[in-house]
Amino acid sequence: MFRVSDMERLVATALAEDLDERGDITTAATVPASTVARAAMVARADGVIAGLAAACATFEAVDPRLIVELRAADGDRVRAGEVVLAVRGPARSVLMAERTALNLVTHASGIATLTARYVAQVAGTGVVIRDTRKTLPGLRALAKAAVVAGGGTNHRLSLSDGLLVKDNHVAAAGGVTRATRAALAAGAGVEVQVEVDSLAELDEALAAGARSVLLDNFSLDATREAVLRCRACAEPVFVEVSGGVRSDAIAAIAATGVDAIAVGALTHSAPALDLGLDVTLVEAP
C-alpha cells in the first residue's frame, strides 16, 4: 500500500516545507558541523506506533550518514517512555530531520491508535473497520498504512480502485437503478458498491443487481432491517455502514450483523500520538 515512490514524494515535500532554500539556520548557527549526536524517539503516551518507515526515509534523505536503529515496528503497542527509534550521526543532520520525522510518526501513530480502539470494540464479531478517502492531501498513503497498522482495513486508495456509486452519481445518472446497472456493466474485475440512503433505495439497488451496499446514515433499526433484506438475497451481499459513526455506537452497529463499518474519523479526526526526539549523547569536536 505504501509504495517507495509514495514515501519518497511525501518525505521530499515535507522536508521542502521545513528546510526551504536556506535550511535550518538555527542549527547551523549553534551546532558545530563536526558534532556527532545520538538521539532517541520516545513515546510520551501509550498508543500504537506507525509511520516508522517514513521517519527512516526522512533521516536518510537529510543525510545518508545517519544510522537509524528501529526499536519498534508499525502496529506495535507502546507505553509512554518507550524508545521506538534511535538515530546517530552528525548532530546538525539529526536536528534538521527531527520535526519532519516526528510530524509523520505522530500523525500516523495517532491514526493507528484511534483505529485500534475502534477495532477492539468489534473484536470477535467478524466485522471489519474500514477507512475512507477523507484524508489530508498528500498524506493518504501514510494514513491508510497507519489504519492497517491499527488493525483496520483499507477501502479505496483512489477513485480508480473501485466503483462506489454515491448519491451524486445517482442524481446525475437518473436514479439508483440506472446508476447501479451502469456501474456493474463497467466494473468487471473491480469492486462495485452502491451507497443507499433509505430502505427503498436499498431494495432498488438489490433489484438492479448490487452485491455490495453502503448504508449511509441509517438508524440501528433501519440497519437491522437492511441486513435482513440483504441476507434474504439468493447471492451474498456485502453490507457496510457509514455516516457519522461514533466510537460509542460501534458495538451496537456491529451487533446488527453488518460486514463492515466505514469510519472517516480514523483519518480526518485522529489526534496525534505524542512522541519526542531526545538527544541522549553529544560528541563535541
C-alpha atoms as a PDB file:
ATOM      1  CA  MET A   1       0.000   0.000   0.000  1.00  0.00           C
ATOM      2  CA  PHE A   2       2.751   2.491   0.974  1.00  0.00           C
ATOM      3  CA  ARG A   3       4.924   2.343  -2.141  1.00  0.00           C
ATOM      4  CA  VAL A   4       8.521   3.578  -2.209  1.00  0.00           C
ATOM      5  CA  SER A   5       7.547   6.281  -4.686  1.00  0.00           C
ATOM      6  CA  ASP A   6       4.757   7.474  -2.358  1.00  0.00           C
ATOM      7  CA  MET A   7       7.155   7.685   0.562  1.00  0.00           C
ATOM      8  CA  GLU A   8       9.885   9.455  -1.360  1.00  0.00           C
ATOM      9  CA  ARG A   9       7.395  12.026  -2.630  1.00  0.00           C
ATOM     10  CA  LEU A  10       5.928  12.575   0.823  1.00  0.00           C
ATOM     11  CA  VAL A  11       9.297  12.957   2.540  1.00  0.00           C
ATOM     12  CA  ALA A  12      10.600  15.307  -0.162  1.00  0.00           C
ATOM     13  CA  THR A  13       7.529  17.527   0.166  1.00  0.00           C
ATOM     14  CA  ALA A  14       7.674  17.552   3.973  1.00  0.00           C
ATOM     15  CA  LEU A  15      11.385  18.394   4.052  1.00  0.00           C
ATOM     16  CA  ALA A  16      10.938  21.136   1.459  1.00  0.00           C
ATOM     17  CA  GLU A  17       8.379  22.777   3.764  1.00  0.00           C
ATOM     18  CA  ASP A  18      10.752  22.663   6.727  1.00  0.00           C
ATOM     19  CA  LEU A  19      14.093  23.457   5.139  1.00  0.00           C
ATOM     20  CA  ASP A  20      13.077  25.846   2.360  1.00  0.00           C
ATOM     21  CA  GLU A  21      16.043  27.326   0.480  1.00  0.00           C
ATOM     22  CA  ARG A  22      18.135  28.412   3.479  1.00  0.00           C
ATOM     23  CA  GLY A  23      17.852  25.244   5.534  1.00  0.00           C
ATOM     24  CA  ASP A  24      17.935  25.060   9.331  1.00  0.00           C
ATOM     25  CA  ILE A  25      19.578  28.376  10.159  1.00  0.00           C
ATOM     26  CA  THR A  26      19.287  27.908  13.941  1.00  0.00           C
ATOM     27  CA  THR A  27      21.130  24.606  13.922  1.00  0.00           C
ATOM     28  CA  ALA A  28      23.753  25.959  11.530  1.00  0.00           C
ATOM     29  CA  ALA A  29      24.332  28.897  13.848  1.00  0.00           C
ATOM     30  CA  THR A  30      24.567  26.975  17.118  1.00  0.00           C
ATOM     31  CA  VAL A  31      25.884  23.470  16.411  1.00  0.00           C
ATOM     32  CA  PRO A  32      29.430  22.908  15.104  1.00  0.00           C
ATOM     33  CA  ALA A  33      29.498  20.936  11.886  1.00  0.00           C
ATOM     34  CA  SER A  34      31.749  18.234  13.394  1.00  0.00           C
ATOM     35  CA  THR A  35      29.477  17.482  16.368  1.00  0.00           C
ATOM     36  CA  VAL A  36      28.056  13.957  16.497  1.00  0.00           C
ATOM     37  CA  ALA A  37      24.844  13.166  18.381  1.00  0.00           C
ATOM     38  CA  ARG A  38      22.770  10.189  19.414  1.00  0.00           C
ATOM     39  CA  ALA A  39      19.022  10.700  19.820  1.00  0.00           C
ATOM     40  CA  ALA A  40      16.002   8.577  20.722  1.00  0.00           C
ATOM     41  CA  MET A  41      12.423   8.907  19.518  1.00  0.00           C
ATOM     42  CA  VAL A  42      10.363   8.319  22.641  1.00  0.00           C
ATOM     43  CA  ALA A  43       6.642   7.786  23.133  1.00  0.00           C
ATOM     44  CA  ARG A  44       5.170  10.340  25.524  1.00  0.00           C
ATOM     45  CA  ALA A  45       1.837   8.494  25.696  1.00  0.00           C
ATOM     46  CA  ASP A  46       0.519   4.948  25.282  1.00  0.00           C
ATOM     47  CA  GLY A  47      -0.584   4.046  21.773  1.00  0.00           C
ATOM     48  CA  VAL A  48       0.001   2.108  18.575  1.00  0.00           C
ATOM     49  CA  ILE A  49       3.040   3.089  16.552  1.00  0.00           C
ATOM     50  CA  ALA A  50       3.026   3.710  12.797  1.00  0.00           C
ATOM     51  CA  GLY A  51       4.977   5.685  10.225  1.00  0.00           C
ATOM     52  CA  LEU A  52       8.439   4.461  11.220  1.00  0.00           C
ATOM     53  CA  ALA A  53       9.433   3.749   7.623  1.00  0.00           C
ATOM     54  CA  ALA A  54       8.650   7.365   6.762  1.00  0.00           C
ATOM     55  CA  ALA A  55      10.806   8.527   9.664  1.00  0.00           C
ATOM     56  CA  CYS A  56      13.699   6.366   8.456  1.00  0.00           C
ATOM     57  CA  ALA A  57      13.270   7.741   4.936  1.00  0.00           C
ATOM     58  CA  THR A  58      13.373  11.269   6.344  1.00  0.00           C
ATOM     59  CA  PHE A  59      16.681  10.742   8.139  1.00  0.00           C
ATOM     60  CA  GLU A  60      18.095   9.065   5.037  1.00  0.00           C
ATOM     61  CA  ALA A  61      17.008  11.930   2.791  1.00  0.00           C
ATOM     62  CA  VAL A  62      18.551  14.551   5.056  1.00  0.00           C
ATOM     63  CA  ASP A  63      21.866  12.740   5.465  1.00  0.00           C
ATOM     64  CA  PRO A  64      22.755   9.194   4.338  1.00  0.00           C
ATOM     65  CA  ARG A  65      25.419   9.144   7.066  1.00  0.00           C
ATOM     66  CA  LEU A  66      22.767   8.971   9.772  1.00  0.00           C
ATOM     67  CA  ILE A  67      22.420   5.497  11.285  1.00  0.00           C
ATOM     68  CA  VAL A  68      18.869   4.612  12.325  1.00  0.00           C
ATOM     69  CA  GLU A  69      18.004   1.717  14.620  1.00  0.00           C
ATOM     70  CA  LEU A  70      14.371   0.698  14.915  1.00  0.00           C
ATOM     71  CA  ARG A  71      13.271  -0.360  18.395  1.00  0.00           C
ATOM     72  CA  ALA A  72       9.645  -1.000  17.404  1.00  0.00           C
ATOM     73  CA  ALA A  73       7.594  -1.896  14.329  1.00  0.00           C
ATOM     74  CA  ASP A  74       4.425  -0.429  12.859  1.00  0.00           C
ATOM     75  CA  GLY A  75       1.469  -1.945  14.674  1.00  0.00           C
ATOM     76  CA  ASP A  76       3.303  -2.359  17.984  1.00  0.00           C
ATOM     77  CA  ARG A  77       1.588  -1.121  21.123  1.00  0.00           C
ATOM     78  CA  VAL A  78       3.927   1.161  23.026  1.00  0.00           C
ATOM     79  CA  ARG A  79       3.898   2.624  26.511  1.00  0.00           C
ATOM     80  CA  ALA A  80       4.855   6.140  27.494  1.00  0.00           C
ATOM     81  CA  GLY A  81       8.628   6.268  27.913  1.00  0.00           C
ATOM     82  CA  GLU A  82       9.415   3.528  25.384  1.00  0.00           C
ATOM     83  CA  VAL A  83      12.006   4.214  22.687  1.00  0.00           C
ATOM     84  CA  VAL A  84      10.722   3.404  19.199  1.00  0.00           C
ATOM     85  CA  LEU A  85      13.728   4.575  17.180  1.00  0.00           C
ATOM     86  CA  ALA A  86      17.337   5.624  17.768  1.00  0.00           C
ATOM     87  CA  VAL A  87      19.478   7.664  15.415  1.00  0.00           C
ATOM     88  CA  ARG A  88      23.176   8.542  15.460  1.00  0.00           C
ATOM     89  CA  GLY A  89      25.295  10.761  13.262  1.00  0.00           C
ATOM     90  CA  PRO A  90      26.079  14.407  12.507  1.00  0.00           C
ATOM     91  CA  ALA A  91      24.166  16.471  15.065  1.00  0.00           C
ATOM     92  CA  ARG A  92      23.157  19.073  12.518  1.00  0.00           C
ATOM     93  CA  SER A  93      21.506  16.430  10.366  1.00  0.00           C
ATOM     94  CA  VAL A  94      19.690  14.857  13.310  1.00  0.00           C
ATOM     95  CA  LEU A  95      18.214  18.212  14.263  1.00  0.00           C
ATOM     96  CA  MET A  96      17.323  19.140  10.684  1.00  0.00           C
ATOM     97  CA  ALA A  97      15.310  15.932  10.298  1.00  0.00           C
ATOM     98  CA  GLU A  98      13.773  15.956  13.784  1.00  0.00           C
ATOM     99  CA  ARG A  99      10.486  17.786  13.271  1.00  0.00           C
ATOM    100  CA  THR A 100       9.702  16.307   9.864  1.00  0.00           C
ATOM    101  CA  ALA A 101      10.240  12.752  11.125  1.00  0.00           C
ATOM    102  CA  LEU A 102       8.174  13.442  14.238  1.00  0.00           C
ATOM    103  CA  ASN A 103       5.340  15.025  12.261  1.00  0.00           C
ATOM    104  CA  LEU A 104       5.000  11.919  10.133  1.00  0.00           C
ATOM    105  CA  VAL A 105       5.215   9.435  13.005  1.00  0.00           C
ATOM    106  CA  THR A 106       2.921  11.309  15.397  1.00  0.00           C
ATOM    107  CA  HIS A 107       0.262  11.708  12.696  1.00  0.00           C
ATOM    108  CA  ALA A 108       0.444   8.087  11.569  1.00  0.00           C
ATOM    109  CA  SER A 109       0.576   6.760  15.122  1.00  0.00           C
ATOM    110  CA  GLY A 110      -2.458   8.812  16.078  1.00  0.00           C
ATOM    111  CA  ILE A 111      -4.407   7.190  13.241  1.00  0.00           C
ATOM    112  CA  ALA A 112      -3.187   3.713  14.205  1.00  0.00           C
ATOM    113  CA  THR A 113      -4.085   4.300  17.851  1.00  0.00           C
ATOM    114  CA  LEU A 114      -7.609   5.501  17.073  1.00  0.00           C
ATOM    115  CA  THR A 115      -8.131   2.647  14.614  1.00  0.00           C
ATOM    116  CA  ALA A 116      -7.089   0.116  17.259  1.00  0.00           C
ATOM    117  CA  ARG A 117      -9.730   1.499  19.640  1.00  0.00           C
ATOM    118  CA  TYR A 118     -12.468   1.016  17.055  1.00  0.00           C
ATOM    119  CA  VAL A 119     -11.192  -2.436  16.123  1.00  0.00           C
ATOM    120  CA  ALA A 120     -11.198  -3.517  19.772  1.00  0.00           C
ATOM    121  CA  GLN A 121     -14.893  -2.731  20.010  1.00  0.00           C
ATOM    122  CA  VAL A 122     -15.807  -5.184  17.237  1.00  0.00           C
ATOM    123  CA  ALA A 123     -13.439  -7.957  18.343  1.00  0.00           C
ATOM    124  CA  GLY A 124     -14.993 -11.375  17.893  1.00  0.00           C
ATOM    125  CA  THR A 125     -17.863 -10.177  15.704  1.00  0.00           C
ATOM    126  CA  GLY A 126     -16.261 -10.699  12.300  1.00  0.00           C
ATOM    127  CA  VAL A 127     -16.990  -7.054  11.439  1.00  0.00           C
ATOM    128  CA  VAL A 128     -14.123  -5.113   9.863  1.00  0.00           C
ATOM    129  CA  ILE A 129     -13.335  -1.441  10.368  1.00  0.00           C
ATOM    130  CA  ARG A 130     -12.647   0.338   7.079  1.00  0.00           C
ATOM    131  CA  ASP A 131     -11.250   3.759   6.313  1.00  0.00           C
ATOM    132  CA  THR A 132     -12.400   6.297   3.697  1.00  0.00           C
ATOM    133  CA  ARG A 133     -10.777   8.811   1.341  1.00  0.00           C
ATOM    134  CA  LYS A 134     -11.228  11.563   3.929  1.00  0.00           C
ATOM    135  CA  THR A 135      -7.503  12.151   4.258  1.00  0.00           C
ATOM    136  CA  LEU A 136      -5.257  15.204   4.229  1.00  0.00           C
ATOM    137  CA  PRO A 137      -3.936  15.911   0.708  1.00  0.00           C
ATOM    138  CA  GLY A 138      -0.584  14.243   0.136  1.00  0.00           C
ATOM    139  CA  LEU A 139      -0.835  12.054   3.238  1.00  0.00           C
ATOM    140  CA  ARG A 140      -3.243   9.364   2.042  1.00  0.00           C
ATOM    141  CA  ALA A 141      -0.738   6.539   1.608  1.00  0.00           C
ATOM    142  CA  LEU A 142       0.725   7.219   5.059  1.00  0.00           C
ATOM    143  CA  ALA A 143      -2.729   7.446   6.638  1.00  0.00           C
ATOM    144  CA  LYS A 144      -4.023   4.255   5.058  1.00  0.00           C
ATOM    145  CA  ALA A 145      -0.883   2.332   6.037  1.00  0.00           C
ATOM    146  CA  ALA A 146      -1.472   3.579   9.588  1.00  0.00           C
ATOM    147  CA  VAL A 147      -5.044   2.264   9.531  1.00  0.00           C
ATOM    148  CA  VAL A 148      -3.700  -1.185   8.662  1.00  0.00           C
ATOM    149  CA  ALA A 149      -1.124  -0.890  11.465  1.00  0.00           C
ATOM    150  CA  GLY A 150      -4.015  -0.266  13.850  1.00  0.00           C
ATOM    151  CA  GLY A 151      -5.851  -3.395  12.699  1.00  0.00           C
ATOM    152  CA  GLY A 152      -8.245  -1.751  10.250  1.00  0.00           C
ATOM    153  CA  THR A 153      -8.843  -2.375   6.564  1.00  0.00           C
ATOM    154  CA  ASN A 154      -8.428  -0.043   3.614  1.00  0.00           C
ATOM    155  CA  HIS A 155     -11.231   0.958   1.285  1.00  0.00           C
ATOM    156  CA  ARG A 156     -10.202   2.652  -1.969  1.00  0.00           C
ATOM    157  CA  LEU A 157      -6.827   4.359  -2.183  1.00  0.00           C
ATOM    158  CA  SER A 158      -8.015   6.394  -5.151  1.00  0.00           C
ATOM    159  CA  LEU A 159     -11.052   6.830  -7.373  1.00  0.00           C
ATOM    160  CA  SER A 160      -9.616   4.264  -9.781  1.00  0.00           C
ATOM    161  CA  ASP A 161      -9.522   1.408  -7.260  1.00  0.00           C
ATOM    162  CA  GLY A 162     -13.205   0.537  -7.397  1.00  0.00           C
ATOM    163  CA  LEU A 163     -16.663   1.780  -8.310  1.00  0.00           C
ATOM    164  CA  LEU A 164     -18.552   3.390  -5.440  1.00  0.00           C
ATOM    165  CA  VAL A 165     -21.891   4.754  -6.577  1.00  0.00           C
ATOM    166  CA  LYS A 166     -22.802   7.655  -4.297  1.00  0.00           C
ATOM    167  CA  ASP A 167     -25.814   9.948  -4.057  1.00  0.00           C
ATOM    168  CA  ASN A 168     -24.485  12.466  -6.565  1.00  0.00           C
ATOM    169  CA  HIS A 169     -23.795   9.703  -9.084  1.00  0.00           C
ATOM    170  CA  VAL A 170     -27.369   8.528  -8.602  1.00  0.00           C
ATOM    171  CA  ALA A 171     -28.679  12.046  -9.141  1.00  0.00           C
ATOM    172  CA  ALA A 172     -26.558  12.589 -12.244  1.00  0.00           C
ATOM    173  CA  ALA A 173     -27.350   9.161 -13.709  1.00  0.00           C
ATOM    174  CA  GLY A 174     -31.109   9.486 -13.267  1.00  0.00           C
ATOM    175  CA  GLY A 175     -31.754   7.113 -10.378  1.00  0.00           C
ATOM    176  CA  VAL A 176     -30.452   4.168  -8.358  1.00  0.00           C
ATOM    177  CA  THR A 177     -31.341   1.551 -10.967  1.00  0.00           C
ATOM    178  CA  ARG A 178     -29.618   3.317 -13.845  1.00  0.00           C
ATOM    179  CA  ALA A 179     -26.525   4.134 -11.795  1.00  0.00           C
ATOM    180  CA  THR A 180     -26.239   0.594 -10.405  1.00  0.00           C
ATOM    181  CA  ARG A 181     -26.641  -1.128 -13.762  1.00  0.00           C
ATOM    182  CA  ALA A 182     -24.160   1.205 -15.418  1.00  0.00           C
ATOM    183  CA  ALA A 183     -21.587   0.646 -12.688  1.00  0.00           C
ATOM    184  CA  LEU A 184     -21.986  -3.132 -12.820  1.00  0.00           C
ATOM    185  CA  ALA A 185     -21.630  -3.096 -16.595  1.00  0.00           C
ATOM    186  CA  ALA A 186     -18.382  -1.133 -16.355  1.00  0.00           C
ATOM    187  CA  GLY A 187     -16.978  -2.740 -13.240  1.00  0.00           C
ATOM    188  CA  ALA A 188     -15.588  -6.066 -14.404  1.00  0.00           C
ATOM    189  CA  GLY A 189     -12.653  -7.043 -12.201  1.00  0.00           C
ATOM    190  CA  VAL A 190     -13.140  -4.376  -9.520  1.00  0.00           C
ATOM    191  CA  GLU A 191     -15.420  -3.955  -6.543  1.00  0.00           C
ATOM    192  CA  VAL A 192     -18.751  -2.281  -7.259  1.00  0.00           C
ATOM    193  CA  GLN A 193     -20.513  -0.834  -4.235  1.00  0.00           C
ATOM    194  CA  VAL A 194     -23.725   1.180  -4.162  1.00  0.00           C
ATOM    195  CA  GLU A 195     -24.444   3.731  -1.446  1.00  0.00           C
ATOM    196  CA  VAL A 196     -28.086   3.941  -0.397  1.00  0.00           C
ATOM    197  CA  ASP A 197     -29.844   6.467   1.802  1.00  0.00           C
ATOM    198  CA  SER A 198     -33.025   4.525   2.593  1.00  0.00           C
ATOM    199  CA  LEU A 199     -34.557   1.067   2.604  1.00  0.00           C
ATOM    200  CA  ALA A 200     -36.400   1.953  -0.603  1.00  0.00           C
ATOM    201  CA  GLU A 201     -33.099   2.765  -2.319  1.00  0.00           C
ATOM    202  CA  LEU A 202     -31.645  -0.466  -0.921  1.00  0.00           C
ATOM    203  CA  ASP A 203     -34.435  -2.505  -2.474  1.00  0.00           C
ATOM    204  CA  GLU A 204     -33.903  -0.745  -5.788  1.00  0.00           C
ATOM    205  CA  ALA A 205     -30.138  -1.337  -5.726  1.00  0.00           C
ATOM    206  CA  LEU A 206     -30.560  -5.021  -4.871  1.00  0.00           C
ATOM    207  CA  ALA A 207     -33.129  -5.468  -7.642  1.00  0.00           C
ATOM    208  CA  ALA A 208     -30.666  -3.878 -10.072  1.00  0.00           C
ATOM    209  CA  GLY A 209     -28.004  -6.424  -9.139  1.00  0.00           C
ATOM    210  CA  ALA A 210     -25.937  -4.721  -6.417  1.00  0.00           C
ATOM    211  CA  ARG A 211     -23.994  -7.219  -4.309  1.00  0.00           C
ATOM    212  CA  SER A 212     -22.168  -4.703  -2.141  1.00  0.00           C
ATOM    213  CA  VAL A 213     -24.054  -1.870  -0.470  1.00  0.00           C
ATOM    214  CA  LEU A 214     -23.136   1.042   1.756  1.00  0.00           C
ATOM    215  CA  LEU A 215     -25.864   2.082   4.196  1.00  0.00           C
ATOM    216  CA  ASP A 216     -25.430   5.805   4.660  1.00  0.00           C
ATOM    217  CA  ASN A 217     -26.667   7.341   7.926  1.00  0.00           C
ATOM    218  CA  PHE A 218     -29.103   4.521   8.690  1.00  0.00           C
ATOM    219  CA  SER A 219     -30.600   4.217  12.176  1.00  0.00           C
ATOM    220  CA  LEU A 220     -29.923   0.997  14.084  1.00  0.00           C
ATOM    221  CA  ASP A 221     -33.432  -0.271  13.387  1.00  0.00           C
ATOM    222  CA  ALA A 222     -33.130   0.501   9.691  1.00  0.00           C
ATOM    223  CA  THR A 223     -29.705  -1.160   9.620  1.00  0.00           C
ATOM    224  CA  ARG A 224     -31.112  -4.361  11.139  1.00  0.00           C
ATOM    225  CA  GLU A 225     -33.891  -4.413   8.552  1.00  0.00           C
ATOM    226  CA  ALA A 226     -31.419  -3.733   5.747  1.00  0.00           C
ATOM    227  CA  VAL A 227     -29.237  -6.645   6.864  1.00  0.00           C
ATOM    228  CA  LEU A 228     -32.276  -8.961   6.883  1.00  0.00           C
ATOM    229  CA  ARG A 229     -33.182  -7.936   3.334  1.00  0.00           C
ATOM    230  CA  CYS A 230     -29.622  -8.420   2.112  1.00  0.00           C
ATOM    231  CA  ARG A 231     -29.277 -11.832   3.763  1.00  0.00           C
ATOM    232  CA  ALA A 232     -32.524 -12.923   2.084  1.00  0.00           C
ATOM    233  CA  CYS A 233     -30.966 -12.444  -1.369  1.00  0.00           C
ATOM    234  CA  ALA A 234     -30.065 -15.534  -3.364  1.00  0.00           C
ATOM    235  CA  GLU A 235     -26.453 -14.320  -3.698  1.00  0.00           C
ATOM    236  CA  PRO A 236     -24.287 -12.988  -0.848  1.00  0.00           C
ATOM    237  CA  VAL A 237     -24.449  -9.226  -0.324  1.00  0.00           C
ATOM    238  CA  PHE A 238     -21.660  -7.319   1.422  1.00  0.00           C
ATOM    239  CA  VAL A 239     -23.193  -4.807   3.845  1.00  0.00           C
ATOM    240  CA  GLU A 240     -21.267  -1.785   5.069  1.00  0.00           C
ATOM    241  CA  VAL A 241     -22.366   1.111   7.258  1.00  0.00           C
ATOM    242  CA  SER A 242     -21.128   4.695   7.013  1.00  0.00           C
ATOM    243  CA  GLY A 243     -22.024   8.193   8.044  1.00  0.00           C
ATOM    244  CA  GLY A 244     -21.165   9.886  11.329  1.00  0.00           C
ATOM    245  CA  VAL A 245     -20.144   6.638  13.029  1.00  0.00           C
ATOM    246  CA  ARG A 246     -19.269   7.394  16.669  1.00  0.00           C
ATOM    247  CA  SER A 247     -16.960   5.293  18.809  1.00  0.00           C
ATOM    248  CA  ASP A 248     -19.670   4.713  21.420  1.00  0.00           C
ATOM    249  CA  ALA A 249     -22.005   3.294  18.755  1.00  0.00           C
ATOM    250  CA  ILE A 250     -19.597   0.822  17.151  1.00  0.00           C
ATOM    251  CA  ALA A 251     -20.567  -2.212  19.230  1.00  0.00           C
ATOM    252  CA  ALA A 252     -24.281  -1.667  18.634  1.00  0.00           C
ATOM    253  CA  ILE A 253     -23.750  -1.285  14.890  1.00  0.00           C
ATOM    254  CA  ALA A 254     -21.640  -4.430  14.770  1.00  0.00           C
ATOM    255  CA  ALA A 255     -24.437  -6.327  16.553  1.00  0.00           C
ATOM    256  CA  THR A 256     -26.817  -5.656  13.650  1.00  0.00           C
ATOM    257  CA  GLY A 257     -24.935  -8.199  11.531  1.00  0.00           C
ATOM    258  CA  VAL A 258     -23.215  -5.894   9.037  1.00  0.00           C
ATOM    259  CA  ASP A 259     -19.933  -6.912   7.422  1.00  0.00           C
ATOM    260  CA  ALA A 260     -18.034  -3.640   7.733  1.00  0.00           C
ATOM    261  CA  ILE A 261     -18.163  -0.209   9.292  1.00  0.00           C
ATOM    262  CA  ALA A 262     -16.607   2.745   7.467  1.00  0.00           C
ATOM    263  CA  VAL A 263     -15.150   5.392   9.779  1.00  0.00           C
ATOM    264  CA  GLY A 264     -13.986   8.651   8.242  1.00  0.00           C
ATOM    265  CA  ALA A 265     -12.784   9.881  11.636  1.00  0.00           C
ATOM    266  CA  LEU A 266      -9.882   7.441  11.532  1.00  0.00           C
ATOM    267  CA  THR A 267      -8.043   9.644   9.077  1.00  0.00           C
ATOM    268  CA  HIS A 268      -9.675  13.063   9.330  1.00  0.00           C
ATOM    269  CA  SER A 269     -10.001  13.439  13.113  1.00  0.00           C
ATOM    270  CA  ALA A 270      -7.386  11.256  14.808  1.00  0.00           C
ATOM    271  CA  PRO A 271      -5.366  13.194  17.410  1.00  0.00           C
ATOM    272  CA  ALA A 272      -1.607  12.885  17.027  1.00  0.00           C
ATOM    273  CA  LEU A 273       0.174  10.472  19.347  1.00  0.00           C
ATOM    274  CA  ASP A 274       2.693  12.408  21.407  1.00  0.00           C
ATOM    275  CA  LEU A 275       6.299  11.436  20.693  1.00  0.00           C
ATOM    276  CA  GLY A 276       9.518  13.361  21.059  1.00  0.00           C
ATOM    277  CA  LEU A 277      13.126  13.134  19.900  1.00  0.00           C
ATOM    278  CA  ASP A 278      15.572  13.399  22.806  1.00  0.00           C
ATOM    279  CA  VAL A 279      19.288  13.912  22.264  1.00  0.00           C
ATOM    280  CA  THR A 280      20.964  11.437  24.626  1.00  0.00           C
ATOM    281  CA  LEU A 281      24.647  11.813  23.759  1.00  0.00           C
ATOM    282  CA  VAL A 282      26.751  14.509  22.168  1.00  0.00           C
ATOM    283  CA  GLU A 283      30.310  14.028  20.971  1.00  0.00           C
ATOM    284  CA  ALA A 284      31.645  17.532  20.527  1.00  0.00           C
ATOM    285  CA  PRO A 285      34.764  18.297  18.494  1.00  0.00           C
END
